[in-house]
Amino acid sequence: MHQLSRQNQLWEETIPGAAHWSFQMKRGNALRLTDIEGGANLSVLFYNMEEKLERYNMPDTLKAQHTAHLTKGFVCYSDMGRVLASVIEDSCGWHDTICGMSNAALVEAKYGKADYQQQRNAMHRNARDSMLIELGKWGLGKRDIVPNVNFFSKVSADEAGGLHYQPGHSKAGAYVELRFEMNVLVVLSACQHPLDPATQYSPKPVHLQAWHCGTADADDYCRNFRPENVRGFYNTELLFR
C-alpha cells in the first residue's frame, strides 16, 4: 500500500452501499478503493474523458494479458489498444471481469421489491440503472454500457464452464490501487454482485482516496508485467507527446 500524505492526496470520499458516482481521474493520478466492512462489490466503467467513444474493453483486456481476472500488474485496455488504468497494488488478489452488473429484474427477484415511494433511501437499487443515471450526466446512455469490472468480487469457472461466486473473498480493509494512464471518466456503483448468493439486500460501502503518483517509467511493474503491455503503454503515451 502506498503511503499517502497531505501533500499528494487530492481527495477522499466514502461511497455508501448501493450508491453510485462518477468523476474524472487525470493521467498520473491514482485511486485507492477500500472495502470498509468486507464483502463489498464495486462495479466500475472507464471512458476516455476527451473522447468518450473510447472506453474500457473487457475482451481486449483479457486476451492481451492472458487472464480472466484482474490483480496487481494487469491493466485495463481501451478499445483503441491504449491503457486506461493500471492495477499498481492489490491486497484482494482477484477482481471479476466477466459477470457484468445487476439489473432491476434480478434485484427484485432476489431481494423483493422496495421502491423509493415506500422505502425512501432504503430502496433497492441496481447497478445498471445506477450506471445510467451517472452516464446521463456526461451525455452518455444505454448504448455506452459495456462489460464492467467488479472490484472485490471473485468468480471462478469450473471445467464445464459453470461460474462460481466466492462468498467472503474480500475482507474488511481489503484494497486495490489504480493508476490512471489517461484522463479517464470513472463511473461506479456499489450494488451487490449479480451472483452474490446472499438472501438479504445488504450492499457494502467502499472508501475512495485519490492522490498524485506520477506516470509510469520504463521499469514500471505494470508496463513489463506482460509483453503486450509495453505496446499498450507506448500507444497511450503517443497521445501525450
Protein backbone atom coordinates (compact mmCIF):
# COMPACT_ATOMS: atom_id res chain seq x y z
CA MET A 1 0.00 0.00 0.00
CA HIS A 2 1.33 3.42 -0.93
CA GLN A 3 1.63 5.87 1.93
CA LEU A 4 -0.44 8.99 1.38
CA SER A 5 0.45 12.41 2.74
CA ARG A 6 -1.39 15.71 2.85
CA GLN A 7 0.95 16.95 0.14
CA ASN A 8 -0.01 14.40 -2.52
CA GLN A 9 -3.55 13.40 -1.53
CA LEU A 10 -6.18 15.03 -3.74
CA TRP A 11 -9.45 13.98 -2.13
CA GLU A 12 -11.25 11.14 -0.38
CA GLU A 13 -14.87 10.01 -0.23
CA THR A 14 -16.93 7.11 1.12
CA ILE A 15 -19.49 5.57 -1.23
CA PRO A 16 -22.39 4.09 0.78
CA GLY A 17 -23.60 0.62 -0.14
CA ALA A 18 -25.71 0.72 -3.35
CA ALA A 19 -24.72 4.33 -4.05
CA HIS A 20 -23.36 5.50 -7.40
CA TRP A 21 -20.96 8.23 -8.53
CA SER A 22 -18.90 9.41 -11.49
CA PHE A 23 -15.80 11.60 -11.67
CA GLN A 24 -12.64 12.32 -13.67
CA MET A 25 -9.21 10.92 -12.86
CA LYS A 26 -6.32 12.62 -14.64
CA ARG A 27 -3.24 10.96 -16.06
CA GLY A 28 -0.60 10.49 -13.33
CA ASN A 29 -3.13 10.28 -10.50
CA ALA A 30 -4.08 7.17 -8.54
CA LEU A 31 -7.18 5.91 -6.77
CA ARG A 32 -7.32 3.53 -3.81
CA LEU A 33 -10.54 1.55 -3.33
CA THR A 34 -11.00 0.10 0.16
CA ASP A 35 -13.63 -2.43 1.24
CA ILE A 36 -14.57 -0.99 4.63
CA GLU A 37 -16.66 -3.81 6.11
CA GLY A 38 -15.79 -6.80 3.91
CA GLY A 39 -17.99 -8.32 1.22
CA ALA A 40 -18.18 -5.21 -0.95
CA ASN A 41 -18.64 -5.14 -4.71
CA LEU A 42 -17.83 -2.09 -6.79
CA SER A 43 -18.93 -2.19 -10.43
CA VAL A 44 -16.82 0.22 -12.49
CA LEU A 45 -16.72 1.51 -16.08
CA PHE A 46 -13.91 3.58 -17.64
CA TYR A 47 -14.10 6.07 -20.54
CA ASN A 48 -11.54 8.34 -22.21
CA MET A 49 -12.50 11.74 -20.82
CA GLU A 50 -11.50 13.56 -24.03
CA GLU A 51 -13.23 11.14 -26.42
CA LYS A 52 -15.88 9.09 -24.64
CA LEU A 53 -16.40 6.76 -27.60
CA GLU A 54 -13.15 5.18 -26.44
CA ARG A 55 -13.84 3.10 -23.36
CA TYR A 56 -12.82 0.02 -21.35
CA ASN A 57 -12.80 -3.14 -23.45
CA MET A 58 -13.13 -6.35 -21.46
CA PRO A 59 -12.27 -8.83 -24.27
CA ASP A 60 -9.08 -6.98 -25.26
CA THR A 61 -8.05 -6.58 -21.61
CA LEU A 62 -8.35 -10.31 -21.00
CA LYS A 63 -6.94 -11.74 -24.22
CA ALA A 64 -3.99 -9.32 -24.39
CA GLN A 65 -2.88 -10.32 -20.89
CA HIS A 66 -3.92 -14.00 -20.94
CA THR A 67 -6.16 -13.72 -17.88
CA ALA A 68 -9.78 -13.88 -16.78
CA HIS A 69 -9.47 -11.60 -13.75
CA LEU A 70 -7.54 -8.55 -12.57
CA THR A 71 -4.95 -8.15 -9.84
CA LYS A 72 -1.62 -6.31 -9.39
CA GLY A 73 0.27 -5.89 -12.66
CA PHE A 74 -2.69 -6.12 -15.01
CA VAL A 75 -4.02 -3.08 -16.85
CA CYS A 76 -7.41 -2.05 -18.24
CA TYR A 77 -7.27 -1.62 -22.01
CA SER A 78 -9.49 0.60 -24.11
CA ASP A 79 -10.98 -0.47 -27.44
CA MET A 80 -8.18 1.54 -29.10
CA GLY A 81 -5.40 -0.57 -27.61
CA ARG A 82 -4.45 2.06 -25.04
CA VAL A 83 -4.10 1.68 -21.27
CA LEU A 84 -6.78 3.49 -19.29
CA ALA A 85 -5.63 2.38 -15.84
CA SER A 86 -3.15 0.00 -14.20
CA VAL A 87 -3.55 -2.07 -11.03
CA ILE A 88 -0.49 -0.98 -9.05
CA GLU A 89 -1.33 -2.60 -5.69
CA ASP A 90 -3.88 -5.18 -4.59
CA SER A 91 -4.46 -6.95 -1.28
CA CYS A 92 -7.51 -8.82 -2.55
CA GLY A 93 -5.90 -10.87 -5.34
CA TRP A 94 -8.84 -11.33 -7.71
CA HIS A 95 -11.36 -8.95 -9.26
CA ASP A 96 -14.16 -10.20 -11.51
CA THR A 97 -14.24 -9.09 -15.14
CA ILE A 98 -16.83 -11.38 -16.74
CA CYS A 99 -20.14 -11.32 -14.84
CA GLY A 100 -21.46 -7.85 -15.58
CA MET A 101 -23.78 -5.94 -13.27
CA SER A 102 -27.14 -6.36 -11.59
CA ASN A 103 -30.36 -5.01 -13.12
CA ALA A 104 -33.81 -4.19 -11.74
CA ALA A 105 -35.40 -7.56 -12.57
CA LEU A 106 -32.58 -9.52 -10.93
CA VAL A 107 -32.63 -7.42 -7.74
CA GLU A 108 -36.41 -7.65 -7.38
CA ALA A 109 -36.37 -11.43 -7.95
CA LYS A 110 -33.61 -11.98 -5.36
CA TYR A 111 -34.45 -9.42 -2.69
CA GLY A 112 -38.05 -8.32 -3.28
CA LYS A 113 -39.48 -5.00 -4.36
CA ALA A 114 -38.52 -1.90 -2.39
CA ASP A 115 -39.05 1.32 -4.33
CA TYR A 116 -38.44 4.92 -3.32
CA GLN A 117 -42.12 5.72 -2.76
CA GLN A 118 -42.32 3.19 0.09
CA GLN A 119 -38.72 2.86 1.33
CA ARG A 120 -37.12 6.23 0.50
CA ASN A 121 -33.32 5.91 0.78
CA ALA A 122 -33.64 2.26 1.83
CA MET A 123 -34.91 1.42 -1.66
CA HIS A 124 -33.34 -1.46 -3.55
CA ARG A 125 -31.02 -0.05 -6.20
CA ASN A 126 -29.42 -1.97 -9.04
CA ALA A 127 -26.13 -1.34 -10.81
CA ARG A 128 -27.46 -0.93 -14.37
CA ASP A 129 -29.96 1.81 -13.51
CA SER A 130 -27.36 3.46 -11.26
CA MET A 131 -24.85 3.48 -14.12
CA LEU A 132 -27.43 5.01 -16.47
CA ILE A 133 -28.06 7.84 -14.00
CA GLU A 134 -24.35 8.64 -13.88
CA LEU A 135 -23.78 8.22 -17.62
CA GLY A 136 -26.59 10.66 -18.33
CA LYS A 137 -24.64 13.38 -16.52
CA TRP A 138 -21.94 13.09 -19.20
CA GLY A 139 -24.14 12.82 -22.30
CA LEU A 140 -23.93 9.03 -22.40
CA GLY A 141 -26.64 6.36 -22.18
CA LYS A 142 -27.68 2.73 -22.71
CA ARG A 143 -25.55 2.25 -25.81
CA ASP A 144 -22.47 3.19 -23.77
CA ILE A 145 -22.80 0.43 -21.14
CA VAL A 146 -20.14 -2.21 -21.79
CA PRO A 147 -18.89 -5.20 -19.73
CA ASN A 148 -17.58 -3.78 -16.48
CA VAL A 149 -15.07 -4.64 -13.76
CA ASN A 150 -16.42 -5.86 -10.39
CA PHE A 151 -13.78 -4.92 -7.85
CA PHE A 152 -13.61 -7.06 -4.66
CA SER A 153 -15.57 -9.96 -6.19
CA LYS A 154 -14.17 -13.35 -7.17
CA VAL A 155 -15.91 -15.62 -9.68
CA SER A 156 -14.17 -18.73 -10.99
CA ALA A 157 -15.16 -21.15 -13.76
CA ASP A 158 -15.19 -24.93 -13.49
CA GLU A 159 -14.27 -27.39 -16.26
CA ALA A 160 -17.87 -27.42 -17.53
CA GLY A 161 -17.93 -23.63 -17.81
CA GLY A 162 -20.07 -23.06 -14.73
CA LEU A 163 -19.42 -19.84 -12.82
CA HIS A 164 -18.91 -19.88 -9.05
CA TYR A 165 -19.06 -16.79 -6.85
CA GLN A 166 -16.83 -16.95 -3.77
CA PRO A 167 -18.54 -15.50 -0.66
CA GLY A 168 -16.24 -13.79 1.82
CA HIS A 169 -13.48 -13.24 -0.73
CA SER A 170 -12.89 -9.61 0.20
CA LYS A 171 -12.15 -8.96 3.87
CA ALA A 172 -12.62 -5.74 5.83
CA GLY A 173 -9.78 -3.39 4.90
CA ALA A 174 -9.01 -5.07 1.56
CA TYR A 175 -7.86 -2.55 -1.03
CA VAL A 176 -6.88 -2.14 -4.66
CA GLU A 177 -4.98 0.80 -6.15
CA LEU A 178 -5.36 2.05 -9.71
CA ARG A 179 -3.00 4.41 -11.52
CA PHE A 180 -4.57 6.29 -14.43
CA GLU A 181 -2.55 6.41 -17.64
CA MET A 182 -5.06 8.64 -19.48
CA ASN A 183 -7.60 11.27 -18.44
CA VAL A 184 -10.43 8.91 -17.54
CA LEU A 185 -14.11 9.22 -16.68
CA VAL A 186 -14.83 6.74 -13.89
CA VAL A 187 -18.42 5.57 -13.38
CA LEU A 188 -19.21 3.29 -10.45
CA SER A 189 -21.94 1.57 -8.47
CA ALA A 190 -21.63 -0.11 -5.06
CA CYS A 191 -24.52 -2.55 -5.61
CA GLN A 192 -24.13 -6.25 -4.85
CA HIS A 193 -22.60 -8.59 -7.42
CA PRO A 194 -25.22 -10.28 -9.65
CA LEU A 195 -24.08 -13.74 -8.49
CA ASP A 196 -23.92 -12.88 -4.78
CA PRO A 197 -25.85 -15.72 -3.08
CA ALA A 198 -26.83 -13.58 -0.08
CA THR A 199 -30.58 -13.64 0.52
CA GLN A 200 -30.60 -10.19 2.12
CA TYR A 201 -30.15 -6.92 0.29
CA SER A 202 -27.01 -5.65 2.01
CA PRO A 203 -24.61 -3.76 -0.30
CA LYS A 204 -21.42 -2.59 1.40
CA PRO A 205 -19.67 0.81 1.44
CA VAL A 206 -16.35 1.49 -0.29
CA HIS A 207 -13.84 4.22 0.63
CA LEU A 208 -12.07 6.14 -2.15
CA GLN A 209 -8.78 8.05 -1.86
CA ALA A 210 -7.15 9.87 -4.78
CA TRP A 211 -3.59 11.14 -4.94
CA HIS A 212 -0.93 12.28 -7.38
CA CYS A 213 1.52 9.46 -8.07
CA GLY A 214 3.20 10.40 -11.36
CA THR A 215 3.36 8.40 -14.58
CA ALA A 216 4.96 5.02 -15.32
CA ASP A 217 8.67 4.89 -16.13
CA ALA A 218 10.50 2.34 -18.31
CA ASP A 219 10.95 -0.08 -15.39
CA ASP A 220 7.34 0.11 -14.24
CA TYR A 221 5.94 -3.20 -12.94
CA CYS A 222 2.65 -2.97 -14.87
CA ARG A 223 4.35 -1.91 -18.09
CA ASN A 224 6.57 -5.00 -18.02
CA PHE A 225 4.09 -7.43 -16.42
CA ARG A 226 3.07 -8.75 -19.86
CA PRO A 227 4.91 -8.25 -23.19
CA GLU A 228 1.72 -6.81 -24.70
CA ASN A 229 1.60 -4.10 -22.05
CA VAL A 230 4.81 -2.50 -23.34
CA ARG A 231 3.00 -1.82 -26.63
CA GLY A 232 -0.13 -0.67 -24.81
CA PHE A 233 1.79 1.91 -22.81
CA TYR A 234 3.56 3.09 -25.98
CA ASN A 235 0.22 3.58 -27.75
CA THR A 236 -1.07 5.52 -24.74
CA GLU A 237 1.96 7.76 -24.40
CA LEU A 238 1.72 8.82 -28.04
CA LEU A 239 -1.37 10.83 -27.00
CA PHE A 240 0.65 12.91 -24.56
CA ARG A 241 3.79 13.72 -26.56
